[in-house]
PDB file of N, CA and C in Angstrom:
ATOM      1  N   MET A   1      41.692 155.640  -4.191  1.00  0.00           N
ATOM      2  CA  MET A   1      41.450 154.399  -3.482  1.00  0.00           C
ATOM      3  C   MET A   1      42.135 154.492  -2.120  1.00  0.00           C
ATOM      4  N   LYS A   2      41.485 153.954  -1.121  1.00  0.00           N
ATOM      5  CA  LYS A   2      42.027 153.936   0.228  1.00  0.00           C
ATOM      6  C   LYS A   2      42.584 152.544   0.500  1.00  0.00           C
ATOM      7  N   VAL A   3      43.858 152.478   0.910  1.00  0.00           N
ATOM      8  CA  VAL A   3      44.499 151.200   1.196  1.00  0.00           C
ATOM      9  C   VAL A   3      45.103 151.216   2.592  1.00  0.00           C
ATOM     10  N   LEU A   4      45.275 150.029   3.153  1.00  0.00           N
ATOM     11  CA  LEU A   4      45.855 149.874   4.480  1.00  0.00           C
ATOM     12  C   LEU A   4      47.127 149.056   4.345  1.00  0.00           C
ATOM     13  N   LEU A   5      48.198 149.535   4.965  1.00  0.00           N
ATOM     14  CA  LEU A   5      49.465 148.812   4.963  1.00  0.00           C
ATOM     15  C   LEU A   5      49.898 148.574   6.398  1.00  0.00           C
ATOM     16  N   SER A   6      50.364 147.375   6.701  1.00  0.00           N
ATOM     17  CA  SER A   6      50.870 147.068   8.040  1.00  0.00           C
ATOM     18  C   SER A   6      52.242 147.721   8.188  1.00  0.00           C
ATOM     19  N   THR A   7      52.480 148.370   9.322  1.00  0.00           N
ATOM     20  CA  THR A   7      53.732 149.097   9.489  1.00  0.00           C
ATOM     21  C   THR A   7      54.248 149.029  10.916  1.00  0.00           C
ATOM     22  N   THR A   8      55.535 149.286  11.058  1.00  0.00           N
ATOM     23  CA  THR A   8      56.163 149.321  12.375  1.00  0.00           C
ATOM     24  C   THR A   8      56.384 150.748  12.853  1.00  0.00           C
ATOM     25  N   GLY A   9      56.102 151.734  12.002  1.00  0.00           N
ATOM     26  CA  GLY A   9      56.364 153.124  12.365  1.00  0.00           C
ATOM     27  C   GLY A   9      55.276 154.064  11.908  1.00  0.00           C
ATOM     28  N   ARG A  10      55.500 155.334  12.108  1.00  0.00           N
ATOM     29  CA  ARG A  10      54.471 156.351  11.882  1.00  0.00           C
ATOM     30  C   ARG A  10      54.688 157.212  10.636  1.00  0.00           C
ATOM     31  N   GLU A  11      55.627 156.827   9.792  1.00  0.00           N
ATOM     32  CA  GLU A  11      55.903 157.574   8.566  1.00  0.00           C
ATOM     33  C   GLU A  11      55.847 156.635   7.363  1.00  0.00           C
ATOM     34  N   LEU A  12      55.713 157.201   6.171  1.00  0.00           N
ATOM     35  CA  LEU A  12      55.672 156.355   4.972  1.00  0.00           C
ATOM     36  C   LEU A  12      57.006 155.680   4.690  1.00  0.00           C
ATOM     37  N   ASP A  13      58.101 156.228   5.253  1.00  0.00           N
ATOM     38  CA  ASP A  13      59.393 155.575   5.060  1.00  0.00           C
ATOM     39  C   ASP A  13      59.706 154.572   6.173  1.00  0.00           C
ATOM     40  N   SER A  14      58.717 154.274   7.010  1.00  0.00           N
ATOM     41  CA  SER A  14      58.869 153.250   8.056  1.00  0.00           C
ATOM     42  C   SER A  14      58.820 151.865   7.430  1.00  0.00           C
ATOM     43  N   PRO A  15      59.483 150.898   8.067  1.00  0.00           N
ATOM     44  CA  PRO A  15      59.430 149.527   7.552  1.00  0.00           C
ATOM     45  C   PRO A  15      58.013 148.954   7.594  1.00  0.00           C
ATOM     46  N   LEU A  16      57.702 148.192   6.588  1.00  0.00           N
ATOM     47  CA  LEU A  16      56.443 147.460   6.554  1.00  0.00           C
ATOM     48  C   LEU A  16      56.513 146.368   7.626  1.00  0.00           C
ATOM     49  N   ASP A  17      55.442 146.151   8.346  1.00  0.00           N
ATOM     50  CA  ASP A  17      55.378 145.025   9.277  1.00  0.00           C
ATOM     51  C   ASP A  17      54.954 143.809   8.457  1.00  0.00           C
ATOM     52  N   PRO A  18      55.696 142.708   8.488  1.00  0.00           N
ATOM     53  CA  PRO A  18      55.329 141.560   7.665  1.00  0.00           C
ATOM     54  C   PRO A  18      54.056 140.863   8.134  1.00  0.00           C
ATOM     55  N   ARG A  19      53.603 141.165   9.359  1.00  0.00           N
ATOM     56  CA  ARG A  19      52.398 140.544   9.909  1.00  0.00           C
ATOM     57  C   ARG A  19      51.207 141.474   9.671  1.00  0.00           C
ATOM     58  N   PHE A  20      50.046 140.897   9.416  1.00  0.00           N
ATOM     59  CA  PHE A  20      48.841 141.707   9.327  1.00  0.00           C
ATOM     60  C   PHE A  20      48.140 141.765  10.683  1.00  0.00           C
ATOM     61  N   GLY A  21      47.683 140.631  11.185  1.00  0.00           N
ATOM     62  CA  GLY A  21      46.867 140.607  12.392  1.00  0.00           C
ATOM     63  C   GLY A  21      47.525 141.187  13.620  1.00  0.00           C
ATOM     64  N   ARG A  22      48.801 140.957  13.776  1.00  0.00           N
ATOM     65  CA  ARG A  22      49.512 141.444  14.958  1.00  0.00           C
ATOM     66  C   ARG A  22      50.447 142.608  14.655  1.00  0.00           C
ATOM     67  N   ALA A  23      50.221 143.277  13.542  1.00  0.00           N
ATOM     68  CA  ALA A  23      50.999 144.477  13.235  1.00  0.00           C
ATOM     69  C   ALA A  23      50.764 145.515  14.321  1.00  0.00           C
ATOM     70  N   GLU A  24      51.796 146.260  14.643  1.00  0.00           N
ATOM     71  CA  GLU A  24      51.667 147.300  15.662  1.00  0.00           C
ATOM     72  C   GLU A  24      50.760 148.433  15.193  1.00  0.00           C
ATOM     73  N   LEU A  25      50.967 148.831  13.941  1.00  0.00           N
ATOM     74  CA  LEU A  25      50.268 149.986  13.393  1.00  0.00           C
ATOM     75  C   LEU A  25      49.814 149.701  11.969  1.00  0.00           C
ATOM     76  N   PHE A  26      48.854 150.491  11.519  1.00  0.00           N
ATOM     77  CA  PHE A  26      48.425 150.467  10.132  1.00  0.00           C
ATOM     78  C   PHE A  26      48.552 151.869   9.556  1.00  0.00           C
ATOM     79  N   ALA A  27      49.087 151.954   8.349  1.00  0.00           N
ATOM     80  CA  ALA A  27      49.077 153.212   7.602  1.00  0.00           C
ATOM     81  C   ALA A  27      47.901 153.128   6.639  1.00  0.00           C
ATOM     82  N   VAL A  28      46.980 154.049   6.752  1.00  0.00           N
ATOM     83  CA  VAL A  28      45.827 154.109   5.867  1.00  0.00           C
ATOM     84  C   VAL A  28      46.095 155.251   4.899  1.00  0.00           C
ATOM     85  N   VAL A  29      46.256 154.903   3.619  1.00  0.00           N
ATOM     86  CA  VAL A  29      46.712 155.866   2.611  1.00  0.00           C
ATOM     87  C   VAL A  29      45.643 156.054   1.544  1.00  0.00           C
ATOM     88  N   GLU A  30      45.370 157.304   1.214  1.00  0.00           N
ATOM     89  CA  GLU A  30      44.535 157.637   0.062  1.00  0.00           C
ATOM     90  C   GLU A  30      45.499 157.713  -1.115  1.00  0.00           C
ATOM     91  N   THR A  31      45.392 156.776  -2.059  1.00  0.00           N
ATOM     92  CA  THR A  31      46.413 156.632  -3.096  1.00  0.00           C
ATOM     93  C   THR A  31      46.518 157.838  -4.024  1.00  0.00           C
ATOM     94  N   GLU A  32      45.416 158.530  -4.283  1.00  0.00           N
ATOM     95  CA  GLU A  32      45.472 159.664  -5.207  1.00  0.00           C
ATOM     96  C   GLU A  32      46.223 160.848  -4.609  1.00  0.00           C
ATOM     97  N   SER A  33      45.961 161.159  -3.353  1.00  0.00           N
ATOM     98  CA  SER A  33      46.578 162.336  -2.724  1.00  0.00           C
ATOM     99  C   SER A  33      47.823 161.998  -1.921  1.00  0.00           C
ATOM    100  N   ARG A  34      48.015 160.725  -1.613  1.00  0.00           N
ATOM    101  CA  ARG A  34      49.096 160.230  -0.752  1.00  0.00           C
ATOM    102  C   ARG A  34      48.953 160.726   0.694  1.00  0.00           C
ATOM    103  N   ARG A  35      47.798 161.248   1.024  1.00  0.00           N
ATOM    104  CA  ARG A  35      47.545 161.595   2.426  1.00  0.00           C
ATOM    105  C   ARG A  35      47.383 160.301   3.196  1.00  0.00           C
ATOM    106  N   PHE A  36      47.868 160.304   4.431  1.00  0.00           N
ATOM    107  CA  PHE A  36      47.783 159.083   5.220  1.00  0.00           C
ATOM    108  C   PHE A  36      47.540 159.408   6.688  1.00  0.00           C
ATOM    109  N   GLU A  37      47.014 158.405   7.359  1.00  0.00           N
ATOM    110  CA  GLU A  37      46.881 158.468   8.807  1.00  0.00           C
ATOM    111  C   GLU A  37      47.409 157.164   9.374  1.00  0.00           C
ATOM    112  N   ILE A  38      47.895 157.220  10.594  1.00  0.00           N
ATOM    113  CA  ILE A  38      48.380 156.029  11.280  1.00  0.00           C
ATOM    114  C   ILE A  38      47.330 155.617  12.293  1.00  0.00           C
ATOM    115  N   VAL A  39      46.989 154.333  12.258  1.00  0.00           N
ATOM    116  CA  VAL A  39      45.953 153.790  13.134  1.00  0.00           C
ATOM    117  C   VAL A  39      46.587 152.690  13.984  1.00  0.00           C
ATOM    118  N   GLU A  40      46.348 152.755  15.283  1.00  0.00           N
ATOM    119  CA  GLU A  40      46.841 151.736  16.213  1.00  0.00           C
ATOM    120  C   GLU A  40      46.053 150.434  16.011  1.00  0.00           C
ATOM    121  N   ASN A  41      46.739 149.325  16.129  1.00  0.00           N
ATOM    122  CA  ASN A  41      46.120 148.003  16.049  1.00  0.00           C
ATOM    123  C   ASN A  41      46.163 147.339  17.427  1.00  0.00           C
ATOM    124  N   ALA A  42      45.965 148.135  18.469  1.00  0.00           N
ATOM    125  CA  ALA A  42      46.170 147.684  19.847  1.00  0.00           C
ATOM    126  C   ALA A  42      45.246 146.543  20.252  1.00  0.00           C
ATOM    127  N   ALA A  43      43.972 146.607  19.914  1.00  0.00           N
ATOM    128  CA  ALA A  43      43.030 145.571  20.344  1.00  0.00           C
ATOM    129  C   ALA A  43      43.414 144.204  19.767  1.00  0.00           C
ATOM    130  N   ALA A  44      43.756 144.171  18.503  1.00  0.00           N
ATOM    131  CA  ALA A  44      44.133 142.903  17.875  1.00  0.00           C
ATOM    132  C   ALA A  44      45.451 142.387  18.430  1.00  0.00           C
ATOM    133  N   ARG A  45      46.389 143.278  18.636  1.00  0.00           N
ATOM    134  CA  ARG A  45      47.692 142.859  19.163  1.00  0.00           C
ATOM    135  C   ARG A  45      47.570 142.248  20.548  1.00  0.00           C
ATOM    136  N   ALA A  46      46.636 142.758  21.351  1.00  0.00           N
ATOM    137  CA  ALA A  46      46.471 142.277  22.717  1.00  0.00           C
ATOM    138  C   ALA A  46      45.619 141.013  22.804  1.00  0.00           C
ATOM    139  N   ALA A  47      44.956 140.649  21.735  1.00  0.00           N
ATOM    140  CA  ALA A  47      44.056 139.497  21.755  1.00  0.00           C
ATOM    141  C   ALA A  47      44.834 138.197  21.922  1.00  0.00           C
ATOM    142  N   LEU A  48      44.309 137.318  22.760  1.00  0.00           N
ATOM    143  CA  LEU A  48      44.931 136.008  22.916  1.00  0.00           C
ATOM    144  C   LEU A  48      44.734 135.166  21.672  1.00  0.00           C
ATOM    145  N   GLN A  49      43.590 135.344  21.016  1.00  0.00           N
ATOM    146  CA  GLN A  49      43.324 134.681  19.747  1.00  0.00           C
ATOM    147  C   GLN A  49      42.383 135.569  18.941  1.00  0.00           C
ATOM    148  N   GLY A  50      42.324 135.330  17.637  1.00  0.00           N
ATOM    149  CA  GLY A  50      41.446 136.127  16.786  1.00  0.00           C
ATOM    150  C   GLY A  50      42.018 137.471  16.377  1.00  0.00           C
ATOM    151  N   ALA A  51      43.334 137.640  16.490  1.00  0.00           N
ATOM    152  CA  ALA A  51      43.947 138.926  16.142  1.00  0.00           C
ATOM    153  C   ALA A  51      43.697 139.281  14.683  1.00  0.00           C
ATOM    154  N   GLY A  52      43.811 138.314  13.795  1.00  0.00           N
ATOM    155  CA  GLY A  52      43.609 138.577  12.373  1.00  0.00           C
ATOM    156  C   GLY A  52      42.195 139.014  12.060  1.00  0.00           C
ATOM    157  N   ILE A  53      41.232 138.374  12.710  1.00  0.00           N
ATOM    158  CA  ILE A  53      39.833 138.737  12.496  1.00  0.00           C
ATOM    159  C   ILE A  53      39.568 140.143  13.017  1.00  0.00           C
ATOM    160  N   GLN A  54      40.098 140.466  14.204  1.00  0.00           N
ATOM    161  CA  GLN A  54      39.910 141.808  14.749  1.00  0.00           C
ATOM    162  C   GLN A  54      40.560 142.865  13.861  1.00  0.00           C
ATOM    163  N   ALA A  55      41.752 142.572  13.346  1.00  0.00           N
ATOM    164  CA  ALA A  55      42.424 143.508  12.453  1.00  0.00           C
ATOM    165  C   ALA A  55      41.622 143.680  11.161  1.00  0.00           C
ATOM    166  N   ALA A  56      41.038 142.601  10.660  1.00  0.00           N
ATOM    167  CA  ALA A  56      40.211 142.677   9.455  1.00  0.00           C
ATOM    168  C   ALA A  56      38.963 143.515   9.706  1.00  0.00           C
ATOM    169  N   GLU A  57      38.363 143.371  10.874  1.00  0.00           N
ATOM    170  CA  GLU A  57      37.194 144.181  11.217  1.00  0.00           C
ATOM    171  C   GLU A  57      37.563 145.661  11.272  1.00  0.00           C
ATOM    172  N   LEU A  58      38.737 145.968  11.806  1.00  0.00           N
ATOM    173  CA  LEU A  58      39.212 147.351  11.831  1.00  0.00           C
ATOM    174  C   LEU A  58      39.393 147.873  10.407  1.00  0.00           C
ATOM    175  N   ALA A  59      40.000 147.072   9.544  1.00  0.00           N
ATOM    176  CA  ALA A  59      40.190 147.473   8.150  1.00  0.00           C
ATOM    177  C   ALA A  59      38.849 147.774   7.488  1.00  0.00           C
ATOM    178  N   ALA A  60      37.852 146.942   7.754  1.00  0.00           N
ATOM    179  CA  ALA A  60      36.519 147.161   7.179  1.00  0.00           C
ATOM    180  C   ALA A  60      35.910 148.459   7.702  1.00  0.00           C
ATOM    181  N   ARG A  61      36.044 148.716   9.008  1.00  0.00           N
ATOM    182  CA  ARG A  61      35.510 149.960   9.584  1.00  0.00           C
ATOM    183  C   ARG A  61      36.197 151.184   8.992  1.00  0.00           C
ATOM    184  N   LEU A  62      37.462 151.044   8.635  1.00  0.00           N
ATOM    185  CA  LEU A  62      38.211 152.159   8.048  1.00  0.00           C
ATOM    186  C   LEU A  62      37.848 152.395   6.583  1.00  0.00           C
ATOM    187  N   GLY A  63      37.137 151.457   5.984  1.00  0.00           N
ATOM    188  CA  GLY A  63      36.661 151.625   4.617  1.00  0.00           C
ATOM    189  C   GLY A  63      37.724 151.478   3.547  1.00  0.00           C
ATOM    190  N   VAL A  64      38.702 150.606   3.780  1.00  0.00           N
ATOM    191  CA  VAL A  64      39.764 150.433   2.796  1.00  0.00           C
ATOM    192  C   VAL A  64      39.345 149.452   1.710  1.00  0.00           C
ATOM    193  N   ALA A  65      39.916 149.619   0.532  1.00  0.00           N
ATOM    194  CA  ALA A  65      39.642 148.723  -0.595  1.00  0.00           C
ATOM    195  C   ALA A  65      40.637 147.575  -0.655  1.00  0.00           C
ATOM    196  N   ALA A  66      41.817 147.780  -0.057  1.00  0.00           N
ATOM    197  CA  ALA A  66      42.863 146.756  -0.113  1.00  0.00           C
ATOM    198  C   ALA A  66      43.720 146.813   1.141  1.00  0.00           C
ATOM    199  N   VAL A  67      44.242 145.651   1.523  1.00  0.00           N
ATOM    200  CA  VAL A  67      45.223 145.521   2.593  1.00  0.00           C
ATOM    201  C   VAL A  67      46.511 145.036   1.935  1.00  0.00           C
ATOM    202  N   ILE A  68      47.598 145.726   2.221  1.00  0.00           N
ATOM    203  CA  ILE A  68      48.910 145.384   1.670  1.00  0.00           C
ATOM    204  C   ILE A  68      49.808 145.036   2.845  1.00  0.00           C
ATOM    205  N   THR A  69      50.337 143.817   2.841  1.00  0.00           N
ATOM    206  CA  THR A  69      51.115 143.340   3.976  1.00  0.00           C
ATOM    207  C   THR A  69      52.110 142.284   3.513  1.00  0.00           C
ATOM    208  N   GLY A  70      52.903 141.805   4.437  1.00  0.00           N
ATOM    209  CA  GLY A  70      53.830 140.735   4.108  1.00  0.00           C
ATOM    210  C   GLY A  70      53.141 139.386   4.053  1.00  0.00           C
ATOM    211  N   HIS A  71      52.371 139.084   5.107  1.00  0.00           N
ATOM    212  CA  HIS A  71      51.722 137.786   5.218  1.00  0.00           C
ATOM    213  C   HIS A  71      50.338 137.932   5.831  1.00  0.00           C
ATOM    214  N   CYS A  72      49.442 136.995   5.498  1.00  0.00           N
ATOM    215  CA  CYS A  72      48.078 137.020   6.011  1.00  0.00           C
ATOM    216  C   CYS A  72      47.627 135.585   6.257  1.00  0.00           C
ATOM    217  N   GLY A  73      47.127 135.332   7.463  1.00  0.00           N
ATOM    218  CA  GLY A  73      46.647 134.003   7.830  1.00  0.00           C
ATOM    219  C   GLY A  73      45.250 133.720   7.303  1.00  0.00           C
ATOM    220  N   PRO A  74      44.802 132.472   7.455  1.00  0.00           N
ATOM    221  CA  PRO A  74      43.536 132.051   6.850  1.00  0.00           C
ATOM    222  C   PRO A  74      42.292 132.738   7.408  1.00  0.00           C
ATOM    223  N   LYS A  75      42.216 132.951   8.708  1.00  0.00           N
ATOM    224  CA  LYS A  75      41.025 133.589   9.274  1.00  0.00           C
ATOM    225  C   LYS A  75      40.958 135.059   8.895  1.00  0.00           C
ATOM    226  N   ALA A  76      42.080 135.739   8.946  1.00  0.00           N
ATOM    227  CA  ALA A  76      42.106 137.145   8.534  1.00  0.00           C
ATOM    228  C   ALA A  76      41.778 137.263   7.050  1.00  0.00           C
ATOM    229  N   PHE A  77      42.344 136.368   6.234  1.00  0.00           N
ATOM    230  CA  PHE A  77      42.080 136.401   4.798  1.00  0.00           C
ATOM    231  C   PHE A  77      40.590 136.237   4.532  1.00  0.00           C
ATOM    232  N   ALA A  78      39.969 135.266   5.188  1.00  0.00           N
ATOM    233  CA  ALA A  78      38.540 135.016   4.987  1.00  0.00           C
ATOM    234  C   ALA A  78      37.706 136.215   5.424  1.00  0.00           C
ATOM    235  N   ALA A  79      38.063 136.834   6.547  1.00  0.00           N
ATOM    236  CA  ALA A  79      37.315 137.995   7.035  1.00  0.00           C
ATOM    237  C   ALA A  79      37.466 139.179   6.083  1.00  0.00           C
ATOM    238  N   LEU A  80      38.654 139.387   5.562  1.00  0.00           N
ATOM    239  CA  LEU A  80      38.876 140.483   4.615  1.00  0.00           C
ATOM    240  C   LEU A  80      38.107 140.231   3.321  1.00  0.00           C
ATOM    241  N   GLN A  81      38.159 139.003   2.824  1.00  0.00           N
ATOM    242  CA  GLN A  81      37.423 138.658   1.609  1.00  0.00           C
ATOM    243  C   GLN A  81      35.924 138.868   1.807  1.00  0.00           C
ATOM    244  N   ALA A  82      35.404 138.452   2.967  1.00  0.00           N
ATOM    245  CA  ALA A  82      33.976 138.612   3.253  1.00  0.00           C
ATOM    246  C   ALA A  82      33.568 140.084   3.278  1.00  0.00           C
ATOM    247  N   ALA A  83      34.508 140.947   3.658  1.00  0.00           N
ATOM    248  CA  ALA A  83      34.243 142.385   3.699  1.00  0.00           C
ATOM    249  C   ALA A  83      34.464 143.049   2.338  1.00  0.00           C
ATOM    250  N   GLY A  84      34.886 142.264   1.341  1.00  0.00           N
ATOM    251  CA  GLY A  84      35.120 142.821   0.008  1.00  0.00           C
ATOM    252  C   GLY A  84      36.434 143.574  -0.126  1.00  0.00           C
ATOM    253  N   ILE A  85      37.381 143.254   0.747  1.00  0.00           N
ATOM    254  CA  ILE A  85      38.684 143.926   0.747  1.00  0.00           C
ATOM    255  C   ILE A  85      39.715 143.031   0.066  1.00  0.00           C
ATOM    256  N   GLN A  86      40.421 143.574  -0.920  1.00  0.00           N
ATOM    257  CA  GLN A  86      41.504 142.830  -1.576  1.00  0.00           C
ATOM    258  C   GLN A  86      42.627 142.608  -0.574  1.00  0.00           C
ATOM    259  N   VAL A  87      43.270 141.457  -0.656  1.00  0.00           N
ATOM    260  CA  VAL A  87      44.404 141.137   0.197  1.00  0.00           C
ATOM    261  C   VAL A  87      45.630 140.990  -0.698  1.00  0.00           C
ATOM    262  N   VAL A  88      46.655 141.746  -0.385  1.00  0.00           N
ATOM    263  CA  VAL A  88      47.909 141.704  -1.144  1.00  0.00           C
ATOM    264  C   VAL A  88      49.012 141.299  -0.175  1.00  0.00           C
ATOM    265  N   VAL A  89      49.647 140.173  -0.422  1.00  0.00           N
ATOM    266  CA  VAL A  89      50.742 139.690   0.417  1.00  0.00           C
ATOM    267  C   VAL A  89      52.045 139.721  -0.379  1.00  0.00           C
ATOM    268  N   GLY A  90      53.141 139.533   0.319  1.00  0.00           N
ATOM    269  CA  GLY A  90      54.447 139.527  -0.339  1.00  0.00           C
ATOM    270  C   GLY A  90      55.102 140.889  -0.378  1.00  0.00           C
ATOM    271  N   ALA A  91      54.482 141.879   0.249  1.00  0.00           N
ATOM    272  CA  ALA A  91      55.065 143.220   0.274  1.00  0.00           C
ATOM    273  C   ALA A  91      56.247 143.237   1.236  1.00  0.00           C
ATOM    274  N   ARG A  92      57.209 144.088   0.937  1.00  0.00           N
ATOM    275  CA  ARG A  92      58.384 144.234   1.810  1.00  0.00           C
ATOM    276  C   ARG A  92      58.988 145.609   1.627  1.00  0.00           C
ATOM    277  N   GLY A  93      59.964 145.915   2.441  1.00  0.00           N
ATOM    278  CA  GLY A  93      60.602 147.234   2.387  1.00  0.00           C
ATOM    279  C   GLY A  93      59.853 148.222   3.252  1.00  0.00           C
ATOM    280  N   THR A  94      59.791 149.445   2.794  1.00  0.00           N
ATOM    281  CA  THR A  94      59.078 150.481   3.538  1.00  0.00           C
ATOM    282  C   THR A  94      57.622 150.535   3.089  1.00  0.00           C
ATOM    283  N   VAL A  95      56.821 151.256   3.843  1.00  0.00           N
ATOM    284  CA  VAL A  95      55.430 151.458   3.469  1.00  0.00           C
ATOM    285  C   VAL A  95      55.361 152.116   2.091  1.00  0.00           C
ATOM    286  N   ALA A  96      56.182 153.135   1.874  1.00  0.00           N
ATOM    287  CA  ALA A  96      56.185 153.841   0.589  1.00  0.00           C
ATOM    288  C   ALA A  96      56.570 152.907  -0.557  1.00  0.00           C
ATOM    289  N   GLN A  97      57.566 152.044  -0.352  1.00  0.00           N
ATOM    290  CA  GLN A  97      57.988 151.099  -1.399  1.00  0.00           C
ATOM    291  C   GLN A  97      56.880 150.107  -1.711  1.00  0.00           C
ATOM    292  N   ALA A  98      56.243 149.586  -0.665  1.00  0.00           N
ATOM    293  CA  ALA A  98      55.158 148.620  -0.867  1.00  0.00           C
ATOM    294  C   ALA A  98      53.990 149.275  -1.595  1.00  0.00           C
ATOM    295  N   LEU A  99      53.684 150.510  -1.243  1.00  0.00           N
ATOM    296  CA  LEU A  99      52.604 151.231  -1.914  1.00  0.00           C
ATOM    297  C   LEU A  99      52.939 151.429  -3.392  1.00  0.00           C
ATOM    298  N   GLU A 100      54.160 151.829  -3.692  1.00  0.00           N
ATOM    299  CA  GLU A 100      54.573 152.011  -5.087  1.00  0.00           C
ATOM    300  C   GLU A 100      54.535 150.697  -5.853  1.00  0.00           C
ATOM    301  N   ASP A 101      54.991 149.616  -5.224  1.00  0.00           N
ATOM    302  CA  ASP A 101      54.947 148.299  -5.875  1.00  0.00           C
ATOM    303  C   ASP A 101      53.505 147.904  -6.197  1.00  0.00           C
ATOM    304  N   PHE A 102      52.592 148.178  -5.281  1.00  0.00           N
ATOM    305  CA  PHE A 102      51.179 147.876  -5.503  1.00  0.00           C
ATOM    306  C   PHE A 102      50.619 148.710  -6.653  1.00  0.00           C
ATOM    307  N   LEU A 103      50.865 149.995  -6.621  1.00  0.00           N
ATOM    308  CA  LEU A 103      50.314 150.885  -7.643  1.00  0.00           C
ATOM    309  C   LEU A 103      50.907 150.610  -9.024  1.00  0.00           C
ATOM    310  N   ALA A 104      52.151 150.126  -9.063  1.00  0.00           N
ATOM    311  CA  ALA A 104      52.803 149.810 -10.335  1.00  0.00           C
ATOM    312  C   ALA A 104      52.431 148.415 -10.841  1.00  0.00           C
ATOM    313  N   GLY A 105      51.625 147.675 -10.073  1.00  0.00           N
ATOM    314  CA  GLY A 105      51.214 146.339 -10.499  1.00  0.00           C
ATOM    315  C   GLY A 105      52.210 145.248 -10.199  1.00  0.00           C
ATOM    316  N   ARG A 106      53.247 145.552  -9.407  1.00  0.00           N
ATOM    317  CA  ARG A 106      54.236 144.528  -9.055  1.00  0.00           C
ATOM    318  C   ARG A 106      53.755 143.625  -7.922  1.00  0.00           C
ATOM    319  N   LEU A 107      52.694 144.046  -7.243  1.00  0.00           N
ATOM    320  CA  LEU A 107      52.061 143.228  -6.211  1.00  0.00           C
ATOM    321  C   LEU A 107      50.629 142.974  -6.642  1.00  0.00           C
ATOM    322  N   ARG A 108      50.197 141.750  -6.599  1.00  0.00           N
ATOM    323  CA  ARG A 108      48.861 141.358  -7.057  1.00  0.00           C
ATOM    324  C   ARG A 108      48.029 140.842  -5.887  1.00  0.00           C
ATOM    325  N   PRO A 109      46.711 140.942  -5.987  1.00  0.00           N
ATOM    326  CA  PRO A 109      45.858 140.374  -4.939  1.00  0.00           C
ATOM    327  C   PRO A 109      46.099 138.872  -4.782  1.00  0.00           C
ATOM    328  N   ALA A 110      46.084 138.435  -3.526  1.00  0.00           N
ATOM    329  CA  ALA A 110      46.294 137.027  -3.211  1.00  0.00           C
ATOM    330  C   ALA A 110      45.007 136.239  -3.441  1.00  0.00           C
ATOM    331  N   THR A 111      45.151 134.951  -3.652  1.00  0.00           N
ATOM    332  CA  THR A 111      43.988 134.077  -3.824  1.00  0.00           C
ATOM    333  C   THR A 111      43.715 133.270  -2.553  1.00  0.00           C
ATOM    334  N   GLY A 112      44.574 133.413  -1.566  1.00  0.00           N
ATOM    335  CA  GLY A 112      44.403 132.702  -0.298  1.00  0.00           C
ATOM    336  C   GLY A 112      45.449 133.126   0.692  1.00  0.00           C
ATOM    337  N   ALA A 113      45.318 132.638   1.901  1.00  0.00           N
ATOM    338  CA  ALA A 113      46.302 132.914   2.956  1.00  0.00           C
ATOM    339  C   ALA A 113      47.662 132.349   2.564  1.00  0.00           C
ATOM    340  N   ASP A 114      48.713 132.989   3.025  1.00  0.00           N
ATOM    341  CA  ASP A 114      50.057 132.472   2.690  1.00  0.00           C
ATOM    342  C   ASP A 114      50.805 131.935   3.895  1.00  0.00           C
ATOM    343  N   VAL A 115      50.173 131.966   5.071  1.00  0.00           N
ATOM    344  CA  VAL A 115      50.755 131.382   6.288  1.00  0.00           C
ATOM    345  C   VAL A 115      49.632 130.686   7.058  1.00  0.00           C
ATOM    346  N   GLN A 116      50.012 129.809   7.955  1.00  0.00           N
ATOM    347  CA  GLN A 116      49.047 129.146   8.829  1.00  0.00           C
ATOM    348  C   GLN A 116      48.581 130.124   9.900  1.00  0.00           C
ATOM    349  N   GLY A 117      47.493 129.798  10.549  1.00  0.00           N
ATOM    350  CA  GLY A 117      46.993 130.623  11.653  1.00  0.00           C
ATOM    351  C   GLY A 117      48.015 130.664  12.775  1.00  0.00           C
ATOM    352  N   HIS A 118      47.945 131.670  13.601  1.00  0.00           N
ATOM    353  CA  HIS A 118      48.827 131.871  14.757  1.00  0.00           C
ATOM    354  C   HIS A 118      50.287 132.034  14.343  1.00  0.00           C
ATOM    355  N   TRP A 119      50.502 132.572  13.155  1.00  0.00           N
ATOM    356  CA  TRP A 119      51.857 132.841  12.692  1.00  0.00           C
ATOM    357  C   TRP A 119      52.374 134.064  13.424  1.00  0.00           C
ATOM    358  N   ALA A 120      53.558 133.999  13.929  1.00  0.00           N
ATOM    359  CA  ALA A 120      54.137 135.141  14.653  1.00  0.00           C
ATOM    360  C   ALA A 120      55.174 135.727  13.785  1.00  0.00           C
TER     361      ALA A 120
END
């Protein structure tokens, strides 16, 4: 399974970024092999509005099955759901820790956004 995690750095031991839409970077990880690539979220970060939607569109283009992050706003959540992508919020620690928590079932898919729009 291919998953996307919001991150502040370029390694799996980098801290998870608690924001989805305005995260600096995304780690896209193939869970079986643990191979990963780092993808810039520059367009969404620079957007005056709609950052969450743009980030969700990027996630869909990358073909991920799930997004793992700290928090997700309502517009991003709706866009991810429309694309058939699971949204997992409440992740913390490093990218590697969040990935392990997800794979071990300690993080579950969210049923809705956990922050208001324009959350910084």
